[in-house]
Amino acid sequence: MSDWMPDPETVPEATPPPAAPSYDTAPPAPLGVVRTPTGHAGVDARLERLADADHLPADGHTEVYEDVHRGLRDELTALDARPAPAPTPAHDNRS
């Protein structure tokens, strides 16, 4: 076995290992999506509810989206519902 040692001036310095990636989540931030009013008060109210997701972490968005979806479905169903027929007037048979 030899007692040979490398010359310290020719050995490159060891580089430190890379820093571990950070998995900290960013705070909630508005996406800046513009919601254009539709003119239908019920639909517009449901769409405004989407703004609530802007202040929640991502795992809270699902509840808001499901609530909005349910509300929009109800609004559309109400548009399909036919109003009850108007009562027919009684016939006046005066002679």
PDB file of N, CA and C in Angstrom:
ATOM      1  N   MET A   1       0.837  -1.149   0.000  1.00  0.00           N
ATOM      2  CA  MET A   1       0.000   0.000   0.000  1.00  0.00           C
ATOM      3  C   MET A   1       0.893   1.226   0.000  1.00  0.00           C
ATOM      4  N   SER A   2       0.459   2.245  -0.699  1.00  0.00           N
ATOM      5  CA  SER A   2       1.308   3.417  -0.822  1.00  0.00           C
ATOM      6  C   SER A   2       0.810   4.514   0.093  1.00  0.00           C
ATOM      7  N   ASP A   3       1.704   5.393   0.475  1.00  0.00           N
ATOM      8  CA  ASP A   3       1.344   6.528   1.322  1.00  0.00           C
ATOM      9  C   ASP A   3       1.098   7.768   0.476  1.00  0.00           C
ATOM     10  N   TRP A   4       0.813   7.562  -0.750  1.00  0.00           N
ATOM     11  CA  TRP A   4       0.635   8.689  -1.647  1.00  0.00           C
ATOM     12  C   TRP A   4      -0.624   9.470  -1.285  1.00  0.00           C
ATOM     13  N   MET A   5      -0.563  10.790  -1.257  1.00  0.00           N
ATOM     14  CA  MET A   5      -1.681  11.683  -0.980  1.00  0.00           C
ATOM     15  C   MET A   5      -1.751  12.676  -2.119  1.00  0.00           C
ATOM     16  N   PRO A   6      -2.940  13.056  -2.557  1.00  0.00           N
ATOM     17  CA  PRO A   6      -3.026  14.044  -3.634  1.00  0.00           C
ATOM     18  C   PRO A   6      -2.566  15.398  -3.144  1.00  0.00           C
ATOM     19  N   ASP A   7      -2.093  16.159  -4.083  1.00  0.00           N
ATOM     20  CA  ASP A   7      -1.653  17.525  -3.771  1.00  0.00           C
ATOM     21  C   ASP A   7      -2.894  18.363  -3.457  1.00  0.00           C
ATOM     22  N   PRO A   8      -3.005  18.979  -2.264  1.00  0.00           N
ATOM     23  CA  PRO A   8      -4.197  19.733  -1.887  1.00  0.00           C
ATOM     24  C   PRO A   8      -4.490  20.886  -2.827  1.00  0.00           C
ATOM     25  N   GLU A   9      -3.517  21.403  -3.513  1.00  0.00           N
ATOM     26  CA  GLU A   9      -3.773  22.520  -4.417  1.00  0.00           C
ATOM     27  C   GLU A   9      -4.420  22.070  -5.712  1.00  0.00           C
ATOM     28  N   THR A  10      -4.393  20.803  -6.031  1.00  0.00           N
ATOM     29  CA  THR A  10      -4.977  20.311  -7.283  1.00  0.00           C
ATOM     30  C   THR A  10      -6.312  19.615  -7.056  1.00  0.00           C
ATOM     31  N   VAL A  11      -6.681  19.405  -5.822  1.00  0.00           N
ATOM     32  CA  VAL A  11      -7.966  18.737  -5.518  1.00  0.00           C
ATOM     33  C   VAL A  11      -9.060  19.801  -5.483  1.00  0.00           C
ATOM     34  N   PRO A  12     -10.111  19.623  -6.296  1.00  0.00           N
ATOM     35  CA  PRO A  12     -11.181  20.626  -6.280  1.00  0.00           C
ATOM     36  C   PRO A  12     -11.902  20.623  -4.937  1.00  0.00           C
ATOM     37  N   GLU A  13     -12.392  21.818  -4.580  1.00  0.00           N
ATOM     38  CA  GLU A  13     -13.150  21.906  -3.327  1.00  0.00           C
ATOM     39  C   GLU A  13     -14.476  21.188  -3.492  1.00  0.00           C
ATOM     40  N   ALA A  14     -14.890  20.578  -2.430  1.00  0.00           N
ATOM     41  CA  ALA A  14     -16.182  19.888  -2.462  1.00  0.00           C
ATOM     42  C   ALA A  14     -17.286  20.941  -2.491  1.00  0.00           C
ATOM     43  N   THR A  15     -18.272  20.714  -3.350  1.00  0.00           N
ATOM     44  CA  THR A  15     -19.397  21.646  -3.397  1.00  0.00           C
ATOM     45  C   THR A  15     -20.459  21.176  -2.411  1.00  0.00           C
ATOM     46  N   PRO A  16     -21.092  22.090  -1.743  1.00  0.00           N
ATOM     47  CA  PRO A  16     -22.119  21.686  -0.795  1.00  0.00           C
ATOM     48  C   PRO A  16     -23.319  21.099  -1.547  1.00  0.00           C
ATOM     49  N   PRO A  17     -24.026  20.202  -0.914  1.00  0.00           N
ATOM     50  CA  PRO A  17     -25.193  19.618  -1.589  1.00  0.00           C
ATOM     51  C   PRO A  17     -26.234  20.709  -1.831  1.00  0.00           C
ATOM     52  N   PRO A  18     -27.052  20.535  -2.863  1.00  0.00           N
ATOM     53  CA  PRO A  18     -28.068  21.551  -3.144  1.00  0.00           C
ATOM     54  C   PRO A  18     -29.060  21.643  -1.988  1.00  0.00           C
ATOM     55  N   ALA A  19     -29.592  22.828  -1.797  1.00  0.00           N
ATOM     56  CA  ALA A  19     -30.577  23.023  -0.725  1.00  0.00           C
ATOM     57  C   ALA A  19     -31.829  22.226  -1.044  1.00  0.00           C
ATOM     58  N   ALA A  20     -32.438  21.714  -0.010  1.00  0.00           N
ATOM     59  CA  ALA A  20     -33.671  20.957  -0.195  1.00  0.00           C
ATOM     60  C   ALA A  20     -34.752  21.899  -0.717  1.00  0.00           C
ATOM     61  N   PRO A  21     -35.589  21.420  -1.645  1.00  0.00           N
ATOM     62  CA  PRO A  21     -36.648  22.290  -2.174  1.00  0.00           C
ATOM     63  C   PRO A  21     -37.629  22.666  -1.070  1.00  0.00           C
ATOM     64  N   SER A  22     -38.149  23.868  -1.174  1.00  0.00           N
ATOM     65  CA  SER A  22     -39.119  24.339  -0.191  1.00  0.00           C
ATOM     66  C   SER A  22     -40.515  23.937  -0.643  1.00  0.00           C
ATOM     67  N   TYR A  23     -41.279  23.368   0.251  1.00  0.00           N
ATOM     68  CA  TYR A  23     -42.639  22.951  -0.059  1.00  0.00           C
ATOM     69  C   TYR A  23     -43.656  23.832   0.651  1.00  0.00           C
ATOM     70  N   ASP A  24     -43.216  25.004   1.071  1.00  0.00           N
ATOM     71  CA  ASP A  24     -44.147  25.928   1.693  1.00  0.00           C
ATOM     72  C   ASP A  24     -45.138  26.391   0.640  1.00  0.00           C
ATOM     73  N   THR A  25     -46.396  26.459   1.029  1.00  0.00           N
ATOM     74  CA  THR A  25     -47.411  26.900   0.086  1.00  0.00           C
ATOM     75  C   THR A  25     -47.479  28.413   0.071  1.00  0.00           C
ATOM     76  N   ALA A  26     -47.774  28.928  -1.083  1.00  0.00           N
ATOM     77  CA  ALA A  26     -47.942  30.375  -1.210  1.00  0.00           C
ATOM     78  C   ALA A  26     -49.275  30.758  -0.593  1.00  0.00           C
ATOM     79  N   PRO A  27     -49.372  31.947  -0.073  1.00  0.00           N
ATOM     80  CA  PRO A  27     -50.652  32.373   0.491  1.00  0.00           C
ATOM     81  C   PRO A  27     -51.686  32.523  -0.630  1.00  0.00           C
ATOM     82  N   PRO A  28     -52.971  32.399  -0.296  1.00  0.00           N
ATOM     83  CA  PRO A  28     -54.008  32.560  -1.320  1.00  0.00           C
ATOM     84  C   PRO A  28     -53.900  33.935  -1.972  1.00  0.00           C
ATOM     85  N   ALA A  29     -54.140  33.965  -3.257  1.00  0.00           N
ATOM     86  CA  ALA A  29     -54.097  35.229  -3.996  1.00  0.00           C
ATOM     87  C   ALA A  29     -55.175  35.205  -5.075  1.00  0.00           C
ATOM     88  N   PRO A  30     -55.832  36.324  -5.287  1.00  0.00           N
ATOM     89  CA  PRO A  30     -56.853  36.375  -6.341  1.00  0.00           C
ATOM     90  C   PRO A  30     -56.250  36.034  -7.697  1.00  0.00           C
ATOM     91  N   LEU A  31     -57.029  35.331  -8.513  1.00  0.00           N
ATOM     92  CA  LEU A  31     -56.564  34.973  -9.847  1.00  0.00           C
ATOM     93  C   LEU A  31     -56.763  36.113 -10.832  1.00  0.00           C
ATOM     94  N   GLY A  32     -57.592  37.080 -10.474  1.00  0.00           N
ATOM     95  CA  GLY A  32     -57.822  38.214 -11.362  1.00  0.00           C
ATOM     96  C   GLY A  32     -58.750  37.899 -12.517  1.00  0.00           C
ATOM     97  N   VAL A  33     -59.591  36.871 -12.377  1.00  0.00           N
ATOM     98  CA  VAL A  33     -60.529  36.517 -13.430  1.00  0.00           C
ATOM     99  C   VAL A  33     -61.709  37.482 -13.364  1.00  0.00           C
ATOM    100  N   VAL A  34     -61.995  38.119 -14.483  1.00  0.00           N
ATOM    101  CA  VAL A  34     -63.096  39.074 -14.547  1.00  0.00           C
ATOM    102  C   VAL A  34     -64.402  38.306 -14.737  1.00  0.00           C
ATOM    103  N   ARG A  35     -65.376  38.636 -13.905  1.00  0.00           N
ATOM    104  CA  ARG A  35     -66.693  38.008 -14.022  1.00  0.00           C
ATOM    105  C   ARG A  35     -67.647  39.039 -14.623  1.00  0.00           C
ATOM    106  N   THR A  36     -68.059  38.802 -15.833  1.00  0.00           N
ATOM    107  CA  THR A  36     -68.943  39.715 -16.534  1.00  0.00           C
ATOM    108  C   THR A  36     -70.386  39.408 -16.158  1.00  0.00           C
ATOM    109  N   PRO A  37     -71.135  40.422 -15.712  1.00  0.00           N
ATOM    110  CA  PRO A  37     -72.535  40.181 -15.350  1.00  0.00           C
ATOM    111  C   PRO A  37     -73.335  39.645 -16.534  1.00  0.00           C
ATOM    112  N   THR A  38     -74.233  38.727 -16.242  1.00  0.00           N
ATOM    113  CA  THR A  38     -75.064  38.119 -17.278  1.00  0.00           C
ATOM    114  C   THR A  38     -76.394  38.829 -17.426  1.00  0.00           C
ATOM    115  N   GLY A  39     -76.777  39.600 -16.412  1.00  0.00           N
ATOM    116  CA  GLY A  39     -78.085  40.239 -16.441  1.00  0.00           C
ATOM    117  C   GLY A  39     -79.148  39.421 -15.732  1.00  0.00           C
ATOM    118  N   HIS A  40     -78.823  38.213 -15.364  1.00  0.00           N
ATOM    119  CA  HIS A  40     -79.737  37.346 -14.612  1.00  0.00           C
ATOM    120  C   HIS A  40     -79.246  37.351 -13.165  1.00  0.00           C
ATOM    121  N   ALA A  41     -80.047  37.959 -12.286  1.00  0.00           N
ATOM    122  CA  ALA A  41     -79.602  38.178 -10.904  1.00  0.00           C
ATOM    123  C   ALA A  41     -79.164  36.896 -10.209  1.00  0.00           C
ATOM    124  N   GLY A  42     -79.894  35.809 -10.384  1.00  0.00           N
ATOM    125  CA  GLY A  42     -79.542  34.546  -9.729  1.00  0.00           C
ATOM    126  C   GLY A  42     -78.212  33.992 -10.210  1.00  0.00           C
ATOM    127  N   VAL A  43     -77.975  34.058 -11.509  1.00  0.00           N
ATOM    128  CA  VAL A  43     -76.722  33.557 -12.081  1.00  0.00           C
ATOM    129  C   VAL A  43     -75.567  34.459 -11.648  1.00  0.00           C
ATOM    130  N   ASP A  44     -75.785  35.777 -11.706  1.00  0.00           N
ATOM    131  CA  ASP A  44     -74.722  36.710 -11.317  1.00  0.00           C
ATOM    132  C   ASP A  44     -74.318  36.514  -9.859  1.00  0.00           C
ATOM    133  N   ALA A  45     -75.290  36.268  -8.993  1.00  0.00           N
ATOM    134  CA  ALA A  45     -74.978  36.032  -7.575  1.00  0.00           C
ATOM    135  C   ALA A  45     -74.131  34.775  -7.413  1.00  0.00           C
ATOM    136  N   ARG A  46     -74.455  33.743  -8.171  1.00  0.00           N
ATOM    137  CA  ARG A  46     -73.665  32.491  -8.094  1.00  0.00           C
ATOM    138  C   ARG A  46     -72.250  32.722  -8.600  1.00  0.00           C
ATOM    139  N   LEU A  47     -72.117  33.466  -9.686  1.00  0.00           N
ATOM    140  CA  LEU A  47     -70.780  33.712 -10.236  1.00  0.00           C
ATOM    141  C   LEU A  47     -69.944  34.574  -9.293  1.00  0.00           C
ATOM    142  N   GLU A  48     -70.569  35.509  -8.598  1.00  0.00           N
ATOM    143  CA  GLU A  48     -69.833  36.326  -7.627  1.00  0.00           C
ATOM    144  C   GLU A  48     -69.316  35.468  -6.478  1.00  0.00           C
ATOM    145  N   ARG A  49     -69.991  34.374  -6.192  1.00  0.00           N
ATOM    146  CA  ARG A  49     -69.555  33.453  -5.131  1.00  0.00           C
ATOM    147  C   ARG A  49     -68.179  32.883  -5.444  1.00  0.00           C
ATOM    148  N   LEU A  50     -67.822  32.825  -6.735  1.00  0.00           N
ATOM    149  CA  LEU A  50     -66.495  32.324  -7.112  1.00  0.00           C
ATOM    150  C   LEU A  50     -65.382  33.167  -6.504  1.00  0.00           C
ATOM    151  N   ALA A  51     -65.650  34.439  -6.228  1.00  0.00           N
ATOM    152  CA  ALA A  51     -64.633  35.305  -5.634  1.00  0.00           C
ATOM    153  C   ALA A  51     -64.211  34.802  -4.256  1.00  0.00           C
ATOM    154  N   ASP A  52     -65.066  34.035  -3.595  1.00  0.00           N
ATOM    155  CA  ASP A  52     -64.711  33.485  -2.284  1.00  0.00           C
ATOM    156  C   ASP A  52     -63.506  32.558  -2.368  1.00  0.00           C
ATOM    157  N   ALA A  53     -63.330  31.912  -3.517  1.00  0.00           N
ATOM    158  CA  ALA A  53     -62.191  31.000  -3.682  1.00  0.00           C
ATOM    159  C   ALA A  53     -60.870  31.757  -3.719  1.00  0.00           C
ATOM    160  N   ASP A  54     -60.911  33.043  -4.065  1.00  0.00           N
ATOM    161  CA  ASP A  54     -59.675  33.832  -4.135  1.00  0.00           C
ATOM    162  C   ASP A  54     -58.986  33.957  -2.784  1.00  0.00           C
ATOM    163  N   HIS A  55     -59.707  33.781  -1.718  1.00  0.00           N
ATOM    164  CA  HIS A  55     -59.149  33.992  -0.379  1.00  0.00           C
ATOM    165  C   HIS A  55     -58.915  32.683   0.365  1.00  0.00           C
ATOM    166  N   LEU A  56     -59.065  31.559  -0.349  1.00  0.00           N
ATOM    167  CA  LEU A  56     -58.894  30.243   0.273  1.00  0.00           C
ATOM    168  C   LEU A  56     -57.676  29.540  -0.311  1.00  0.00           C
ATOM    169  N   PRO A  57     -57.062  28.664   0.474  1.00  0.00           N
ATOM    170  CA  PRO A  57     -56.016  27.822  -0.121  1.00  0.00           C
ATOM    171  C   PRO A  57     -56.666  26.872  -1.131  1.00  0.00           C
ATOM    172  N   ALA A  58     -55.869  26.298  -1.993  1.00  0.00           N
ATOM    173  CA  ALA A  58     -56.393  25.463  -3.086  1.00  0.00           C
ATOM    174  C   ALA A  58     -57.319  24.357  -2.595  1.00  0.00           C
ATOM    175  N   ASP A  59     -57.021  23.763  -1.435  1.00  0.00           N
ATOM    176  CA  ASP A  59     -57.881  22.669  -0.978  1.00  0.00           C
ATOM    177  C   ASP A  59     -59.265  23.162  -0.536  1.00  0.00           C
ATOM    178  N   GLY A  60     -59.478  24.455  -0.440  1.00  0.00           N
ATOM    179  CA  GLY A  60     -60.795  24.995  -0.109  1.00  0.00           C
ATOM    180  C   GLY A  60     -61.607  25.372  -1.336  1.00  0.00           C
ATOM    181  N   HIS A  61     -61.002  25.351  -2.513  1.00  0.00           N
ATOM    182  CA  HIS A  61     -61.707  25.742  -3.730  1.00  0.00           C
ATOM    183  C   HIS A  61     -62.826  24.784  -4.085  1.00  0.00           C
ATOM    184  N   THR A  62     -62.624  23.498  -3.848  1.00  0.00           N
ATOM    185  CA  THR A  62     -63.605  22.505  -4.255  1.00  0.00           C
ATOM    186  C   THR A  62     -64.974  22.795  -3.670  1.00  0.00           C
ATOM    187  N   GLU A  63     -65.028  23.142  -2.405  1.00  0.00           N
ATOM    188  CA  GLU A  63     -66.315  23.420  -1.765  1.00  0.00           C
ATOM    189  C   GLU A  63     -67.018  24.593  -2.442  1.00  0.00           C
ATOM    190  N   VAL A  64     -66.267  25.640  -2.765  1.00  0.00           N
ATOM    191  CA  VAL A  64     -66.854  26.807  -3.432  1.00  0.00           C
ATOM    192  C   VAL A  64     -67.331  26.420  -4.825  1.00  0.00           C
ATOM    193  N   TYR A  65     -66.497  25.718  -5.581  1.00  0.00           N
ATOM    194  CA  TYR A  65     -66.868  25.338  -6.948  1.00  0.00           C
ATOM    195  C   TYR A  65     -68.108  24.447  -6.958  1.00  0.00           C
ATOM    196  N   GLU A  66     -68.173  23.505  -6.027  1.00  0.00           N
ATOM    197  CA  GLU A  66     -69.342  22.628  -5.967  1.00  0.00           C
ATOM    198  C   GLU A  66     -70.599  23.411  -5.604  1.00  0.00           C
ATOM    199  N   ASP A  67     -70.469  24.370  -4.688  1.00  0.00           N
ATOM    200  CA  ASP A  67     -71.614  25.193  -4.305  1.00  0.00           C
ATOM    201  C   ASP A  67     -72.097  26.029  -5.495  1.00  0.00           C
ATOM    202  N   VAL A  68     -71.165  26.635  -6.226  1.00  0.00           N
ATOM    203  CA  VAL A  68     -71.527  27.440  -7.396  1.00  0.00           C
ATOM    204  C   VAL A  68     -72.162  26.556  -8.460  1.00  0.00           C
ATOM    205  N   HIS A  69     -71.592  25.395  -8.696  1.00  0.00           N
ATOM    206  CA  HIS A  69     -72.138  24.483  -9.701  1.00  0.00           C
ATOM    207  C   HIS A  69     -73.561  24.079  -9.344  1.00  0.00           C
ATOM    208  N   ARG A  70     -73.772  23.753  -8.088  1.00  0.00           N
ATOM    209  CA  ARG A  70     -75.104  23.355  -7.623  1.00  0.00           C
ATOM    210  C   ARG A  70     -76.091  24.518  -7.830  1.00  0.00           C
ATOM    211  N   GLY A  71     -75.676  25.720  -7.466  1.00  0.00           N
ATOM    212  CA  GLY A  71     -76.540  26.888  -7.614  1.00  0.00           C
ATOM    213  C   GLY A  71     -76.851  27.197  -9.066  1.00  0.00           C
ATOM    214  N   LEU A  72     -75.853  27.099  -9.949  1.00  0.00           N
ATOM    215  CA  LEU A  72     -76.100  27.345 -11.370  1.00  0.00           C
ATOM    216  C   LEU A  72     -77.026  26.285 -11.952  1.00  0.00           C
ATOM    217  N   ARG A  73     -76.850  25.060 -11.519  1.00  0.00           N
ATOM    218  CA  ARG A  73     -77.744  23.994 -11.984  1.00  0.00           C
ATOM    219  C   ARG A  73     -79.179  24.279 -11.551  1.00  0.00           C
ATOM    220  N   ASP A  74     -79.352  24.751 -10.298  1.00  0.00           N
ATOM    221  CA  ASP A  74     -80.689  25.103  -9.811  1.00  0.00           C
ATOM    222  C   ASP A  74     -81.278  26.252 -10.619  1.00  0.00           C
ATOM    223  N   GLU A  75     -80.449  27.247 -10.947  1.00  0.00           N
ATOM    224  CA  GLU A  75     -80.929  28.378 -11.750  1.00  0.00           C
ATOM    225  C   GLU A  75     -81.374  27.910 -13.131  1.00  0.00           C
ATOM    226  N   LEU A  76     -80.604  27.045 -13.757  1.00  0.00           N
ATOM    227  CA  LEU A  76     -80.973  26.536 -15.074  1.00  0.00           C
ATOM    228  C   LEU A  76     -82.226  25.678 -15.010  1.00  0.00           C
ATOM    229  N   THR A  77     -82.341  24.883 -13.971  1.00  0.00           N
ATOM    230  CA  THR A  77     -83.538  24.060 -13.808  1.00  0.00           C
ATOM    231  C   THR A  77     -84.769  24.945 -13.654  1.00  0.00           C
ATOM    232  N   ALA A  78     -84.633  26.035 -12.914  1.00  0.00           N
ATOM    233  CA  ALA A  78     -85.753  26.957 -12.724  1.00  0.00           C
ATOM    234  C   ALA A  78     -86.152  27.606 -14.044  1.00  0.00           C
ATOM    235  N   LEU A  79     -85.191  27.853 -14.922  1.00  0.00           N
ATOM    236  CA  LEU A  79     -85.531  28.426 -16.228  1.00  0.00           C
ATOM    237  C   LEU A  79     -86.317  27.441 -17.076  1.00  0.00           C
ATOM    238  N   ASP A  80     -86.061  26.153 -16.893  1.00  0.00           N
ATOM    239  CA  ASP A  80     -86.773  25.128 -17.662  1.00  0.00           C
ATOM    240  C   ASP A  80     -88.165  24.848 -17.120  1.00  0.00           C
ATOM    241  N   ALA A  81     -88.381  25.193 -15.857  1.00  0.00           N
ATOM    242  CA  ALA A  81     -89.692  24.918 -15.259  1.00  0.00           C
ATOM    243  C   ALA A  81     -90.728  25.806 -15.926  1.00  0.00           C
ATOM    244  N   ARG A  82     -91.812  25.200 -16.302  1.00  0.00           N
ATOM    245  CA  ARG A  82     -92.883  25.959 -16.953  1.00  0.00           C
ATOM    246  C   ARG A  82     -93.805  26.517 -15.883  1.00  0.00           C
ATOM    247  N   PRO A  83     -94.215  27.760 -16.056  1.00  0.00           N
ATOM    248  CA  PRO A  83     -95.140  28.315 -15.063  1.00  0.00           C
ATOM    249  C   PRO A  83     -96.477  27.571 -15.114  1.00  0.00           C
ATOM    250  N   ALA A  84     -97.149  27.559 -14.002  1.00  0.00           N
ATOM    251  CA  ALA A  84     -98.465  26.898 -13.951  1.00  0.00           C
ATOM    252  C   ALA A  84     -99.403  27.635 -14.894  1.00  0.00           C
ATOM    253  N   PRO A  85    -100.267  26.901 -15.561  1.00  0.00           N
ATOM    254  CA  PRO A  85    -101.188  27.575 -16.472  1.00  0.00           C
ATOM    255  C   PRO A  85    -102.105  28.530 -15.714  1.00  0.00           C
ATOM    256  N   ALA A  86    -102.412  29.634 -16.366  1.00  0.00           N
ATOM    257  CA  ALA A  86    -103.313  30.607 -15.751  1.00  0.00           C
ATOM    258  C   ALA A  86    -104.700  29.997 -15.643  1.00  0.00           C
ATOM    259  N   PRO A  87    -105.413  30.311 -14.569  1.00  0.00           N
ATOM    260  CA  PRO A  87    -106.765  29.744 -14.446  1.00  0.00           C
ATOM    261  C   PRO A  87    -107.658  30.284 -15.561  1.00  0.00           C
ATOM    262  N   THR A  88    -108.495  29.424 -16.055  1.00  0.00           N
ATOM    263  CA  THR A  88    -109.414  29.836 -17.116  1.00  0.00           C
ATOM    264  C   THR A  88    -110.609  30.561 -16.492  1.00  0.00           C
ATOM    265  N   PRO A  89    -111.028  31.633 -17.101  1.00  0.00           N
ATOM    266  CA  PRO A  89    -112.152  32.363 -16.521  1.00  0.00           C
ATOM    267  C   PRO A  89    -113.436  31.538 -16.621  1.00  0.00           C
ATOM    268  N   ALA A  90    -114.273  31.704 -15.629  1.00  0.00           N
ATOM    269  CA  ALA A  90    -115.574  31.025 -15.668  1.00  0.00           C
ATOM    270  C   ALA A  90    -116.393  31.658 -16.784  1.00  0.00           C
ATOM    271  N   HIS A  91    -117.148  30.855 -17.466  1.00  0.00           N
ATOM    272  CA  HIS A  91    -117.983  31.364 -18.569  1.00  0.00           C
ATOM    273  C   HIS A  91    -119.195  32.066 -17.990  1.00  0.00           C
ATOM    274  N   ASP A  92    -119.429  33.225 -18.506  1.00  0.00           N
ATOM    275  CA  ASP A  92    -120.602  33.992 -18.087  1.00  0.00           C
ATOM    276  C   ASP A  92    -121.706  33.703 -19.128  1.00  0.00           C
ATOM    277  N   ASN A  93    -122.699  33.007 -18.733  1.00  0.00           N
ATOM    278  CA  ASN A  93    -123.758  32.594 -19.643  1.00  0.00           C
ATOM    279  C   ASN A  93    -125.012  33.433 -19.461  1.00  0.00           C
ATOM    280  N   ARG A  94    -124.862  34.704 -19.331  1.00  0.00           N
ATOM    281  CA  ARG A  94    -126.046  35.543 -19.213  1.00  0.00           C
ATOM    282  C   ARG A  94    -126.722  35.670 -20.573  1.00  0.00           C
ATOM    283  N   SER A  95    -128.001  35.649 -20.510  1.00  0.00           N
ATOM    284  CA  SER A  95    -128.740  35.829 -21.743  1.00  0.00           C
ATOM    285  C   SER A  95    -129.633  37.022 -21.637  1.00  0.00           C
TER     286      SER A  95
END
